[in-house]
Amino acid sequence: IRAVGGTGWTVTVAGPVDVITDPDEAAHYRRTLVGWTHGPHDTVV
């Protein structure tokens, strides 16, 4: 949403979720989806 003018877009996606538990797959996404602190609340779904 653009602050000046208020125009923009919004998208919502809904459905079933599963946690990615495979350590190699989760590590791949932790490398490619950067930005969160590693630790017990760093989850990939």
PDB file of all heavy atoms in Angstrom:
ATOM      1  N   ILE A   1       0.855  -1.170   0.000  1.00  0.00           N
ATOM      2  CA  ILE A   1       0.000   0.000   0.000  1.00  0.00           C
ATOM      3  C   ILE A   1       0.900   1.232   0.000  1.00  0.00           C
ATOM      4  O   ILE A   1       1.777   1.355   0.852  1.00  0.00           O
ATOM      5  CB  ILE A   1      -0.933   0.039   1.245  1.00  0.00           C
ATOM      6  CG1 ILE A   1      -1.667  -1.286   1.416  1.00  0.00           C
ATOM      7  CG2 ILE A   1      -1.890   1.218   1.167  1.00  0.00           C
ATOM      8  CD1 ILE A   1      -2.594  -1.663   0.297  1.00  0.00           C
ATOM      9  N   ARG A   2       0.678   2.111  -0.931  1.00  0.00           N
ATOM     10  CA  ARG A   2       1.476   3.336  -1.007  1.00  0.00           C
ATOM     11  C   ARG A   2       0.943   4.349   0.006  1.00  0.00           C
ATOM     12  O   ARG A   2      -0.251   4.635   0.030  1.00  0.00           O
ATOM     13  CB  ARG A   2       1.423   3.901  -2.414  1.00  0.00           C
ATOM     14  CG  ARG A   2       2.164   3.006  -3.403  1.00  0.00           C
ATOM     15  CD  ARG A   2       1.803   3.335  -4.842  1.00  0.00           C
ATOM     16  NE  ARG A   2       2.213   2.265  -5.741  1.00  0.00           N
ATOM     17  CZ  ARG A   2       1.475   1.200  -6.020  1.00  0.00           C
ATOM     18  NH1 ARG A   2       0.280   1.056  -5.501  1.00  0.00           N
ATOM     19  NH2 ARG A   2       1.928   0.271  -6.838  1.00  0.00           N
ATOM     20  N   ALA A   3       1.855   4.880   0.811  1.00  0.00           N
ATOM     21  CA  ALA A   3       1.457   5.821   1.864  1.00  0.00           C
ATOM     22  C   ALA A   3       0.794   7.064   1.270  1.00  0.00           C
ATOM     23  O   ALA A   3      -0.216   7.537   1.773  1.00  0.00           O
ATOM     24  CB  ALA A   3       2.664   6.219   2.706  1.00  0.00           C
ATOM     25  N   VAL A   4       1.370   7.588   0.210  1.00  0.00           N
ATOM     26  CA  VAL A   4       0.775   8.749  -0.443  1.00  0.00           C
ATOM     27  C   VAL A   4      -0.230   8.233  -1.460  1.00  0.00           C
ATOM     28  O   VAL A   4       0.114   7.489  -2.359  1.00  0.00           O
ATOM     29  CB  VAL A   4       1.852   9.614  -1.146  1.00  0.00           C
ATOM     30  CG1 VAL A   4       1.209  10.770  -1.900  1.00  0.00           C
ATOM     31  CG2 VAL A   4       2.858  10.116  -0.134  1.00  0.00           C
ATOM     32  N   GLY A   5      -1.451   8.574  -1.286  1.00  0.00           N
ATOM     33  CA  GLY A   5      -2.488   8.164  -2.226  1.00  0.00           C
ATOM     34  C   GLY A   5      -3.279   6.950  -1.794  1.00  0.00           C
ATOM     35  O   GLY A   5      -4.416   6.773  -2.191  1.00  0.00           O
ATOM     36  N   GLY A   6      -2.660   6.056  -1.021  1.00  0.00           N
ATOM     37  CA  GLY A   6      -3.375   4.890  -0.526  1.00  0.00           C
ATOM     38  C   GLY A   6      -3.657   3.816  -1.559  1.00  0.00           C
ATOM     39  O   GLY A   6      -4.401   2.886  -1.288  1.00  0.00           O
ATOM     40  N   THR A   7      -3.065   3.898  -2.734  1.00  0.00           N
ATOM     41  CA  THR A   7      -3.293   2.861  -3.740  1.00  0.00           C
ATOM     42  C   THR A   7      -2.335   1.700  -3.495  1.00  0.00           C
ATOM     43  O   THR A   7      -1.371   1.809  -2.755  1.00  0.00           O
ATOM     44  CB  THR A   7      -3.085   3.422  -5.162  1.00  0.00           C
ATOM     45  OG1 THR A   7      -1.759   3.936  -5.263  1.00  0.00           O
ATOM     46  CG2 THR A   7      -4.104   4.510  -5.481  1.00  0.00           C
ATOM     47  N   GLY A   8      -2.599   0.580  -4.118  1.00  0.00           N
ATOM     48  CA  GLY A   8      -1.751  -0.592  -3.977  1.00  0.00           C
ATOM     49  C   GLY A   8      -2.539  -1.859  -4.199  1.00  0.00           C
ATOM     50  O   GLY A   8      -3.477  -1.880  -5.006  1.00  0.00           O
ATOM     51  N   TRP A   9      -2.183  -2.902  -3.492  1.00  0.00           N
ATOM     52  CA  TRP A   9      -2.849  -4.188  -3.664  1.00  0.00           C
ATOM     53  C   TRP A   9      -2.726  -5.013  -2.389  1.00  0.00           C
ATOM     54  O   TRP A   9      -1.923  -4.733  -1.521  1.00  0.00           O
ATOM     55  CB  TRP A   9      -2.274  -4.948  -4.860  1.00  0.00           C
ATOM     56  CG  TRP A   9      -0.788  -5.125  -4.797  1.00  0.00           C
ATOM     57  CD1 TRP A   9       0.163  -4.322  -5.362  1.00  0.00           C
ATOM     58  CD2 TRP A   9      -0.062  -6.163  -4.123  1.00  0.00           C
ATOM     59  NE1 TRP A   9       1.417  -4.794  -5.071  1.00  0.00           N
ATOM     60  CE2 TRP A   9       1.307  -5.923  -4.326  1.00  0.00           C
ATOM     61  CE3 TRP A   9      -0.446  -7.264  -3.368  1.00  0.00           C
ATOM     62  CZ2 TRP A   9       2.297  -6.748  -3.804  1.00  0.00           C
ATOM     63  CZ3 TRP A   9       0.536  -8.089  -2.836  1.00  0.00           C
ATOM     64  CH2 TRP A   9       1.890  -7.823  -3.075  1.00  0.00           C
ATOM     65  N   THR A  10      -3.527  -6.058  -2.316  1.00  0.00           N
ATOM     66  CA  THR A  10      -3.515  -6.976  -1.189  1.00  0.00           C
ATOM     67  C   THR A  10      -3.839  -8.382  -1.696  1.00  0.00           C
ATOM     68  O   THR A  10      -4.678  -8.540  -2.584  1.00  0.00           O
ATOM     69  CB  THR A  10      -4.513  -6.520  -0.098  1.00  0.00           C
ATOM     70  OG1 THR A  10      -4.519  -7.471   0.953  1.00  0.00           O
ATOM     71  CG2 THR A  10      -5.906  -6.359  -0.627  1.00  0.00           C
ATOM     72  N   VAL A  11      -3.144  -9.388  -1.157  1.00  0.00           N
ATOM     73  CA  VAL A  11      -3.362 -10.784  -1.545  1.00  0.00           C
ATOM     74  C   VAL A  11      -3.440 -11.631  -0.278  1.00  0.00           C
ATOM     75  O   VAL A  11      -2.633 -11.462   0.640  1.00  0.00           O
ATOM     76  CB  VAL A  11      -2.229 -11.308  -2.452  1.00  0.00           C
ATOM     77  CG1 VAL A  11      -2.350 -12.809  -2.693  1.00  0.00           C
ATOM     78  CG2 VAL A  11      -2.209 -10.559  -3.779  1.00  0.00           C
ATOM     79  N   THR A  12      -4.392 -12.554  -0.245  1.00  0.00           N
ATOM     80  CA  THR A  12      -4.561 -13.470   0.872  1.00  0.00           C
ATOM     81  C   THR A  12      -4.627 -14.897   0.339  1.00  0.00           C
ATOM     82  O   THR A  12      -5.373 -15.174  -0.596  1.00  0.00           O
ATOM     83  CB  THR A  12      -5.853 -13.136   1.652  1.00  0.00           C
ATOM     84  OG1 THR A  12      -5.783 -11.774   2.078  1.00  0.00           O
ATOM     85  CG2 THR A  12      -6.007 -14.030   2.857  1.00  0.00           C
ATOM     86  N   VAL A  13      -3.843 -15.780   0.947  1.00  0.00           N
ATOM     87  CA  VAL A  13      -3.797 -17.195   0.575  1.00  0.00           C
ATOM     88  C   VAL A  13      -4.117 -18.002   1.836  1.00  0.00           C
ATOM     89  O   VAL A  13      -3.571 -17.715   2.902  1.00  0.00           O
ATOM     90  CB  VAL A  13      -2.395 -17.586   0.054  1.00  0.00           C
ATOM     91  CG1 VAL A  13      -2.351 -19.048  -0.329  1.00  0.00           C
ATOM     92  CG2 VAL A  13      -1.984 -16.708  -1.113  1.00  0.00           C
ATOM     93  N   ALA A  14      -4.984 -18.992   1.721  1.00  0.00           N
ATOM     94  CA  ALA A  14      -5.346 -19.794   2.894  1.00  0.00           C
ATOM     95  C   ALA A  14      -5.373 -21.274   2.532  1.00  0.00           C
ATOM     96  O   ALA A  14      -5.696 -21.641   1.397  1.00  0.00           O
ATOM     97  CB  ALA A  14      -6.712 -19.369   3.422  1.00  0.00           C
ATOM     98  N   GLY A  15      -5.036 -22.105   3.518  1.00  0.00           N
ATOM     99  CA  GLY A  15      -5.085 -23.543   3.302  1.00  0.00           C
ATOM    100  C   GLY A  15      -4.347 -24.303   4.383  1.00  0.00           C
ATOM    101  O   GLY A  15      -3.857 -23.723   5.356  1.00  0.00           O
ATOM    102  N   PRO A  16      -4.250 -25.625   4.205  1.00  0.00           N
ATOM    103  CA  PRO A  16      -3.541 -26.469   5.164  1.00  0.00           C
ATOM    104  C   PRO A  16      -2.055 -26.109   5.230  1.00  0.00           C
ATOM    105  O   PRO A  16      -1.472 -25.667   4.237  1.00  0.00           O
ATOM    106  CB  PRO A  16      -3.722 -27.882   4.621  1.00  0.00           C
ATOM    107  CG  PRO A  16      -4.815 -27.795   3.618  1.00  0.00           C
ATOM    108  CD  PRO A  16      -4.845 -26.386   3.121  1.00  0.00           C
ATOM    109  N   VAL A  17      -1.465 -26.321   6.409  1.00  0.00           N
ATOM    110  CA  VAL A  17      -0.062 -25.994   6.651  1.00  0.00           C
ATOM    111  C   VAL A  17       0.642 -27.215   7.229  1.00  0.00           C
ATOM    112  O   VAL A  17       0.061 -27.937   8.044  1.00  0.00           O
ATOM    113  CB  VAL A  17       0.040 -24.830   7.669  1.00  0.00           C
ATOM    114  CG1 VAL A  17       1.485 -24.580   8.060  1.00  0.00           C
ATOM    115  CG2 VAL A  17      -0.581 -23.574   7.119  1.00  0.00           C
ATOM    116  N   ASP A  18       1.885 -27.425   6.789  1.00  0.00           N
ATOM    117  CA  ASP A  18       2.706 -28.420   7.470  1.00  0.00           C
ATOM    118  C   ASP A  18       4.085 -27.826   7.721  1.00  0.00           C
ATOM    119  O   ASP A  18       4.571 -27.006   6.959  1.00  0.00           O
ATOM    120  CB  ASP A  18       2.788 -29.750   6.702  1.00  0.00           C
ATOM    121  CG  ASP A  18       3.284 -29.599   5.286  1.00  0.00           C
ATOM    122  OD1 ASP A  18       4.433 -29.170   5.099  1.00  0.00           O
ATOM    123  OD2 ASP A  18       2.528 -29.927   4.354  1.00  0.00           O
ATOM    124  N   VAL A  19       4.672 -28.229   8.845  1.00  0.00           N
ATOM    125  CA  VAL A  19       6.008 -27.765   9.207  1.00  0.00           C
ATOM    126  C   VAL A  19       7.017 -28.558   8.404  1.00  0.00           C
ATOM    127  O   VAL A  19       6.904 -29.784   8.279  1.00  0.00           O
ATOM    128  CB  VAL A  19       6.251 -27.945  10.718  1.00  0.00           C
ATOM    129  CG1 VAL A  19       7.690 -27.582  11.087  1.00  0.00           C
ATOM    130  CG2 VAL A  19       5.268 -27.111  11.519  1.00  0.00           C
ATOM    131  N   ILE A  20       8.016 -27.876   7.858  1.00  0.00           N
ATOM    132  CA  ILE A  20       9.091 -28.552   7.136  1.00  0.00           C
ATOM    133  C   ILE A  20      10.073 -29.068   8.180  1.00  0.00           C
ATOM    134  O   ILE A  20      10.753 -28.284   8.856  1.00  0.00           O
ATOM    135  CB  ILE A  20       9.767 -27.607   6.129  1.00  0.00           C
ATOM    136  CG1 ILE A  20       8.746 -27.227   5.044  1.00  0.00           C
ATOM    137  CG2 ILE A  20      11.013 -28.252   5.527  1.00  0.00           C
ATOM    138  CD1 ILE A  20       9.236 -26.236   4.017  1.00  0.00           C
ATOM    139  N   THR A  21      10.101 -30.385   8.342  1.00  0.00           N
ATOM    140  CA  THR A  21      10.920 -30.997   9.389  1.00  0.00           C
ATOM    141  C   THR A  21      12.214 -31.602   8.864  1.00  0.00           C
ATOM    142  O   THR A  21      13.123 -31.872   9.653  1.00  0.00           O
ATOM    143  CB  THR A  21      10.119 -32.092  10.125  1.00  0.00           C
ATOM    144  OG1 THR A  21       9.666 -33.058   9.175  1.00  0.00           O
ATOM    145  CG2 THR A  21       8.932 -31.481  10.869  1.00  0.00           C
ATOM    146  N   ASP A  22      12.311 -31.834   7.552  1.00  0.00           N
ATOM    147  CA  ASP A  22      13.549 -32.373   6.999  1.00  0.00           C
ATOM    148  C   ASP A  22      14.662 -31.349   7.245  1.00  0.00           C
ATOM    149  O   ASP A  22      14.547 -30.202   6.813  1.00  0.00           O
ATOM    150  CB  ASP A  22      13.390 -32.637   5.502  1.00  0.00           C
ATOM    151  CG  ASP A  22      14.675 -33.118   4.887  1.00  0.00           C
ATOM    152  OD1 ASP A  22      14.937 -34.329   4.936  1.00  0.00           O
ATOM    153  OD2 ASP A  22      15.444 -32.257   4.368  1.00  0.00           O
ATOM    154  N   PRO A  23      15.739 -31.729   7.934  1.00  0.00           N
ATOM    155  CA  PRO A  23      16.771 -30.755   8.298  1.00  0.00           C
ATOM    156  C   PRO A  23      17.440 -30.092   7.101  1.00  0.00           C
ATOM    157  O   PRO A  23      17.742 -28.897   7.140  1.00  0.00           O
ATOM    158  CB  PRO A  23      17.785 -31.553   9.112  1.00  0.00           C
ATOM    159  CG  PRO A  23      17.240 -32.918   9.275  1.00  0.00           C
ATOM    160  CD  PRO A  23      15.996 -33.055   8.467  1.00  0.00           C
ATOM    161  N   ASP A  24      17.686 -30.845   6.028  1.00  0.00           N
ATOM    162  CA  ASP A  24      18.328 -30.260   4.848  1.00  0.00           C
ATOM    163  C   ASP A  24      17.406 -29.266   4.149  1.00  0.00           C
ATOM    164  O   ASP A  24      17.840 -28.189   3.735  1.00  0.00           O
ATOM    165  CB  ASP A  24      18.764 -31.356   3.871  1.00  0.00           C
ATOM    166  CG  ASP A  24      19.880 -32.227   4.442  1.00  0.00           C
ATOM    167  OD1 ASP A  24      20.672 -31.709   5.271  1.00  0.00           O
ATOM    168  OD2 ASP A  24      19.950 -33.419   4.073  1.00  0.00           O
ATOM    169  N   GLU A  25      16.137 -29.632   4.003  1.00  0.00           N
ATOM    170  CA  GLU A  25      15.175 -28.736   3.357  1.00  0.00           C
ATOM    171  C   GLU A  25      14.970 -27.478   4.201  1.00  0.00           C
ATOM    172  O   GLU A  25      14.960 -26.360   3.681  1.00  0.00           O
ATOM    173  CB  GLU A  25      13.844 -29.459   3.134  1.00  0.00           C
ATOM    174  CG  GLU A  25      12.866 -28.642   2.319  1.00  0.00           C
ATOM    175  CD  GLU A  25      11.556 -29.370   2.066  1.00  0.00           C
ATOM    176  OE1 GLU A  25      11.287 -30.418   2.697  1.00  0.00           O
ATOM    177  OE2 GLU A  25      10.784 -28.872   1.233  1.00  0.00           O
ATOM    178  N   ALA A  26      14.829 -27.642   5.509  1.00  0.00           N
ATOM    179  CA  ALA A  26      14.657 -26.484   6.392  1.00  0.00           C
ATOM    180  C   ALA A  26      15.887 -25.580   6.332  1.00  0.00           C
ATOM    181  O   ALA A  26      15.761 -24.353   6.285  1.00  0.00           O
ATOM    182  CB  ALA A  26      14.382 -26.947   7.821  1.00  0.00           C
ATOM    183  N   ALA A  27      17.089 -26.170   6.320  1.00  0.00           N
ATOM    184  CA  ALA A  27      18.326 -25.379   6.238  1.00  0.00           C
ATOM    185  C   ALA A  27      18.374 -24.595   4.928  1.00  0.00           C
ATOM    186  O   ALA A  27      18.799 -23.433   4.910  1.00  0.00           O
ATOM    187  CB  ALA A  27      19.545 -26.285   6.376  1.00  0.00           C
ATOM    188  N   HIS A  28      17.947 -25.212   3.838  1.00  0.00           N
ATOM    189  CA  HIS A  28      17.901 -24.520   2.544  1.00  0.00           C
ATOM    190  C   HIS A  28      17.040 -23.275   2.646  1.00  0.00           C
ATOM    191  O   HIS A  28      17.435 -22.187   2.220  1.00  0.00           O
ATOM    192  CB  HIS A  28      17.364 -25.460   1.465  1.00  0.00           C
ATOM    193  CG  HIS A  28      16.916 -24.742   0.236  1.00  0.00           C
ATOM    194  ND1 HIS A  28      17.797 -24.191  -0.673  1.00  0.00           N
ATOM    195  CD2 HIS A  28      15.662 -24.453  -0.219  1.00  0.00           C
ATOM    196  CE1 HIS A  28      17.117 -23.603  -1.644  1.00  0.00           C
ATOM    197  NE2 HIS A  28      15.817 -23.755  -1.390  1.00  0.00           N
ATOM    198  N   TYR A  29      15.839 -23.406   3.203  1.00  0.00           N
ATOM    199  CA  TYR A  29      14.942 -22.253   3.303  1.00  0.00           C
ATOM    200  C   TYR A  29      15.441 -21.221   4.302  1.00  0.00           C
ATOM    201  O   TYR A  29      15.217 -20.026   4.126  1.00  0.00           O
ATOM    202  CB  TYR A  29      13.514 -22.699   3.608  1.00  0.00           C
ATOM    203  CG  TYR A  29      12.885 -23.361   2.410  1.00  0.00           C
ATOM    204  CD1 TYR A  29      12.491 -24.693   2.460  1.00  0.00           C
ATOM    205  CD2 TYR A  29      12.714 -22.666   1.223  1.00  0.00           C
ATOM    206  CE1 TYR A  29      11.931 -25.307   1.355  1.00  0.00           C
ATOM    207  CE2 TYR A  29      12.166 -23.278   0.113  1.00  0.00           C
ATOM    208  CZ  TYR A  29      11.776 -24.595   0.186  1.00  0.00           C
ATOM    209  OH  TYR A  29      11.223 -25.198  -0.928  1.00  0.00           O
ATOM    210  N   ARG A  30      16.134 -21.645   5.328  1.00  0.00           N
ATOM    211  CA  ARG A  30      16.699 -20.671   6.273  1.00  0.00           C
ATOM    212  C   ARG A  30      17.805 -19.855   5.611  1.00  0.00           C
ATOM    213  O   ARG A  30      18.032 -18.707   5.966  1.00  0.00           O
ATOM    214  CB  ARG A  30      17.189 -21.364   7.533  1.00  0.00           C
ATOM    215  CG  ARG A  30      16.034 -21.800   8.415  1.00  0.00           C
ATOM    216  CD  ARG A  30      16.468 -22.281   9.790  1.00  0.00           C
ATOM    217  NE  ARG A  30      15.296 -22.583  10.572  1.00  0.00           N
ATOM    218  CZ  ARG A  30      14.795 -23.805  10.740  1.00  0.00           C
ATOM    219  NH1 ARG A  30      15.387 -24.844  10.196  1.00  0.00           N
ATOM    220  NH2 ARG A  30      13.710 -23.982  11.459  1.00  0.00           N
ATOM    221  N   ARG A  31      18.497 -20.456   4.636  1.00  0.00           N
ATOM    222  CA  ARG A  31      19.511 -19.705   3.886  1.00  0.00           C
ATOM    223  C   ARG A  31      18.868 -18.756   2.887  1.00  0.00           C
ATOM    224  O   ARG A  31      19.347 -17.657   2.682  1.00  0.00           O
ATOM    225  CB  ARG A  31      20.449 -20.666   3.147  1.00  0.00           C
ATOM    226  CG  ARG A  31      21.495 -21.309   4.017  1.00  0.00           C
ATOM    227  CD  ARG A  31      22.538 -22.054   3.186  1.00  0.00           C
ATOM    228  NE  ARG A  31      21.961 -23.032   2.266  1.00  0.00           N
ATOM    229  CZ  ARG A  31      21.658 -24.296   2.579  1.00  0.00           C
ATOM    230  NH1 ARG A  31      21.868 -24.736   3.792  1.00  0.00           N
ATOM    231  NH2 ARG A  31      21.155 -25.109   1.675  1.00  0.00           N
ATOM    232  N   THR A  32      17.811 -19.193   2.235  1.00  0.00           N
ATOM    233  CA  THR A  32      17.211 -18.385   1.157  1.00  0.00           C
ATOM    234  C   THR A  32      16.159 -17.404   1.645  1.00  0.00           C
ATOM    235  O   THR A  32      15.906 -16.401   0.980  1.00  0.00           O
ATOM    236  CB  THR A  32      16.615 -19.288   0.065  1.00  0.00           C
ATOM    237  OG1 THR A  32      15.628 -20.141   0.641  1.00  0.00           O
ATOM    238  CG2 THR A  32      17.683 -20.124  -0.604  1.00  0.00           C
ATOM    239  N   LEU A  33      15.529 -17.678   2.771  1.00  0.00           N
ATOM    240  CA  LEU A  33      14.515 -16.778   3.335  1.00  0.00           C
ATOM    241  C   LEU A  33      15.107 -16.144   4.600  1.00  0.00           C
ATOM    242  O   LEU A  33      14.762 -16.510   5.716  1.00  0.00           O
ATOM    243  CB  LEU A  33      13.230 -17.542   3.661  1.00  0.00           C
ATOM    244  CG  LEU A  33      12.545 -18.214   2.487  1.00  0.00           C
ATOM    245  CD1 LEU A  33      11.403 -19.107   2.964  1.00  0.00           C
ATOM    246  CD2 LEU A  33      12.040 -17.180   1.494  1.00  0.00           C
ATOM    247  N   VAL A  34      16.008 -15.200   4.407  1.00  0.00           N
ATOM    248  CA  VAL A  34      16.740 -14.613   5.534  1.00  0.00           C
ATOM    249  C   VAL A  34      15.879 -13.615   6.299  1.00  0.00           C
ATOM    250  O   VAL A  34      14.867 -13.139   5.806  1.00  0.00           O
ATOM    251  CB  VAL A  34      18.026 -13.914   5.042  1.00  0.00           C
ATOM    252  CG1 VAL A  34      18.975 -14.914   4.442  1.00  0.00           C
ATOM    253  CG2 VAL A  34      17.706 -12.805   4.069  1.00  0.00           C
ATOM    254  N   GLY A  35      16.303 -13.325   7.516  1.00  0.00           N
ATOM    255  CA  GLY A  35      15.667 -12.235   8.222  1.00  0.00           C
ATOM    256  C   GLY A  35      15.211 -12.515   9.628  1.00  0.00           C
ATOM    257  O   GLY A  35      14.929 -11.585  10.365  1.00  0.00           O
ATOM    258  N   TRP A  36      15.128 -13.767  10.048  1.00  0.00           N
ATOM    259  CA  TRP A  36      14.656 -14.031  11.405  1.00  0.00           C
ATOM    260  C   TRP A  36      15.776 -14.620  12.230  1.00  0.00           C
ATOM    261  O   TRP A  36      16.671 -15.285  11.734  1.00  0.00           O
ATOM    262  CB  TRP A  36      13.449 -14.985  11.399  1.00  0.00           C
ATOM    263  CG  TRP A  36      12.387 -14.514  10.467  1.00  0.00           C
ATOM    264  CD1 TRP A  36      11.856 -15.210   9.435  1.00  0.00           C
ATOM    265  CD2 TRP A  36      11.762 -13.237  10.443  1.00  0.00           C
ATOM    266  NE1 TRP A  36      10.931 -14.442   8.780  1.00  0.00           N
ATOM    267  CE2 TRP A  36      10.851 -13.224   9.380  1.00  0.00           C
ATOM    268  CE3 TRP A  36      11.881 -12.095  11.217  1.00  0.00           C
ATOM    269  CZ2 TRP A  36      10.066 -12.130   9.063  1.00  0.00           C
ATOM    270  CZ3 TRP A  36      11.095 -10.988  10.908  1.00  0.00           C
ATOM    271  CH2 TRP A  36      10.201 -11.023   9.846  1.00  0.00           C
ATOM    272  N   THR A  37      15.706 -14.420  13.521  1.00  0.00           N
ATOM    273  CA  THR A  37      16.693 -14.950  14.452  1.00  0.00           C
ATOM    274  C   THR A  37      16.571 -16.468  14.514  1.00  0.00           C
ATOM    275  O   THR A  37      15.470 -16.998  14.615  1.00  0.00           O
ATOM    276  CB  THR A  37      16.453 -14.369  15.856  1.00  0.00           C
ATOM    277  OG1 THR A  37      16.502 -12.946  15.747  1.00  0.00           O
ATOM    278  CG2 THR A  37      17.479 -14.840  16.838  1.00  0.00           C
ATOM    279  N   HIS A  38      17.700 -17.133  14.452  1.00  0.00           N
ATOM    280  CA  HIS A  38      17.692 -18.586  14.607  1.00  0.00           C
ATOM    281  C   HIS A  38      17.352 -18.921  16.049  1.00  0.00           C
ATOM    282  O   HIS A  38      17.693 -18.204  16.963  1.00  0.00           O
ATOM    283  CB  HIS A  38      19.051 -19.173  14.234  1.00  0.00           C
ATOM    284  CG  HIS A  38      19.386 -18.979  12.794  1.00  0.00           C
ATOM    285  ND1 HIS A  38      18.764 -19.677  11.799  1.00  0.00           N
ATOM    286  CD2 HIS A  38      20.237 -18.138  12.187  1.00  0.00           C
ATOM    287  CE1 HIS A  38      19.242 -19.293  10.626  1.00  0.00           C
ATOM    288  NE2 HIS A  38      20.137 -18.346  10.841  1.00  0.00           N
ATOM    289  N   GLY A  39      16.657 -19.998  16.251  1.00  0.00           N
ATOM    290  CA  GLY A  39      16.303 -20.406  17.604  1.00  0.00           C
ATOM    291  C   GLY A  39      15.004 -21.171  17.613  1.00  0.00           C
ATOM    292  O   GLY A  39      14.506 -21.601  16.568  1.00  0.00           O
ATOM    293  N   PRO A  40      14.428 -21.340  18.792  1.00  0.00           N
ATOM    294  CA  PRO A  40      13.242 -22.190  18.913  1.00  0.00           C
ATOM    295  C   PRO A  40      12.005 -21.624  18.208  1.00  0.00           C
ATOM    296  O   PRO A  40      11.067 -22.368  17.952  1.00  0.00           O
ATOM    297  CB  PRO A  40      13.025 -22.274  20.428  1.00  0.00           C
ATOM    298  CG  PRO A  40      13.679 -21.053  20.964  1.00  0.00           C
ATOM    299  CD  PRO A  40      14.835 -20.776  20.057  1.00  0.00           C
ATOM    300  N   HIS A  41      11.998 -20.351  17.892  1.00  0.00           N
ATOM    301  CA  HIS A  41      10.834 -19.762  17.222  1.00  0.00           C
ATOM    302  C   HIS A  41      11.136 -19.442  15.771  1.00  0.00           C
ATOM    303  O   HIS A  41      10.536 -18.538  15.193  1.00  0.00           O
ATOM    304  CB  HIS A  41      10.362 -18.516  17.961  1.00  0.00           C
ATOM    305  CG  HIS A  41       9.841 -18.831  19.324  1.00  0.00           C
ATOM    306  ND1 HIS A  41       9.496 -17.875  20.214  1.00  0.00           N
ATOM    307  CD2 HIS A  41       9.622 -19.999  19.957  1.00  0.00           C
ATOM    308  CE1 HIS A  41       9.072 -18.432  21.336  1.00  0.00           C
ATOM    309  NE2 HIS A  41       9.150 -19.737  21.195  1.00  0.00           N
ATOM    310  N   ASP A  42      12.048 -20.162  15.171  1.00  0.00           N
ATOM    311  CA  ASP A  42      12.400 -19.992  13.758  1.00  0.00           C
ATOM    312  C   ASP A  42      11.852 -21.212  13.020  1.00  0.00           C
ATOM    313  O   ASP A  42      12.473 -22.265  13.008  1.00  0.00           O
ATOM    314  CB  ASP A  42      13.915 -19.892  13.616  1.00  0.00           C
ATOM    315  CG  ASP A  42      14.339 -19.673  12.181  1.00  0.00           C
ATOM    316  OD1 ASP A  42      13.493 -19.304  11.343  1.00  0.00           O
ATOM    317  OD2 ASP A  42      15.533 -19.877  11.892  1.00  0.00           O
ATOM    318  N   THR A  43      10.670 -21.065  12.455  1.00  0.00           N
ATOM    319  CA  THR A  43       9.952 -22.192  11.877  1.00  0.00           C
ATOM    320  C   THR A  43       9.740 -21.985  10.386  1.00  0.00           C
ATOM    321  O   THR A  43       9.442 -20.874   9.944  1.00  0.00           O
ATOM    322  CB  THR A  43       8.596 -22.357  12.593  1.00  0.00           C
ATOM    323  OG1 THR A  43       8.849 -22.508  13.990  1.00  0.00           O
ATOM    324  CG2 THR A  43       7.833 -23.554  12.087  1.00  0.00           C
ATOM    325  N   VAL A  44       9.874 -23.062   9.621  1.00  0.00           N
ATOM    326  CA  VAL A  44       9.603 -23.022   8.192  1.00  0.00           C
ATOM    327  C   VAL A  44       8.401 -23.924   7.926  1.00  0.00           C
ATOM    328  O   VAL A  44       8.401 -25.102   8.307  1.00  0.00           O
ATOM    329  CB  VAL A  44      10.816 -23.486   7.362  1.00  0.00           C
ATOM    330  CG1 VAL A  44      10.513 -23.387   5.873  1.00  0.00           C
ATOM    331  CG2 VAL A  44      12.055 -22.663   7.706  1.00  0.00           C
ATOM    332  N   VAL A  45       7.379 -23.344   7.293  1.00  0.00           N
ATOM    333  CA  VAL A  45       6.158 -24.096   6.996  1.00  0.00           C
ATOM    334  C   VAL A  45       5.859 -24.056   5.509  1.00  0.00           C
ATOM    335  O   VAL A  45       6.338 -23.189   4.781  1.00  0.00           O
ATOM    336  CB  VAL A  45       4.941 -23.548   7.791  1.00  0.00           C
ATOM    337  CG1 VAL A  45       5.174 -23.632   9.278  1.00  0.00           C
ATOM    338  CG2 VAL A  45       4.594 -22.138   7.370  1.00  0.00           C
TER     339      VAL A  45
END
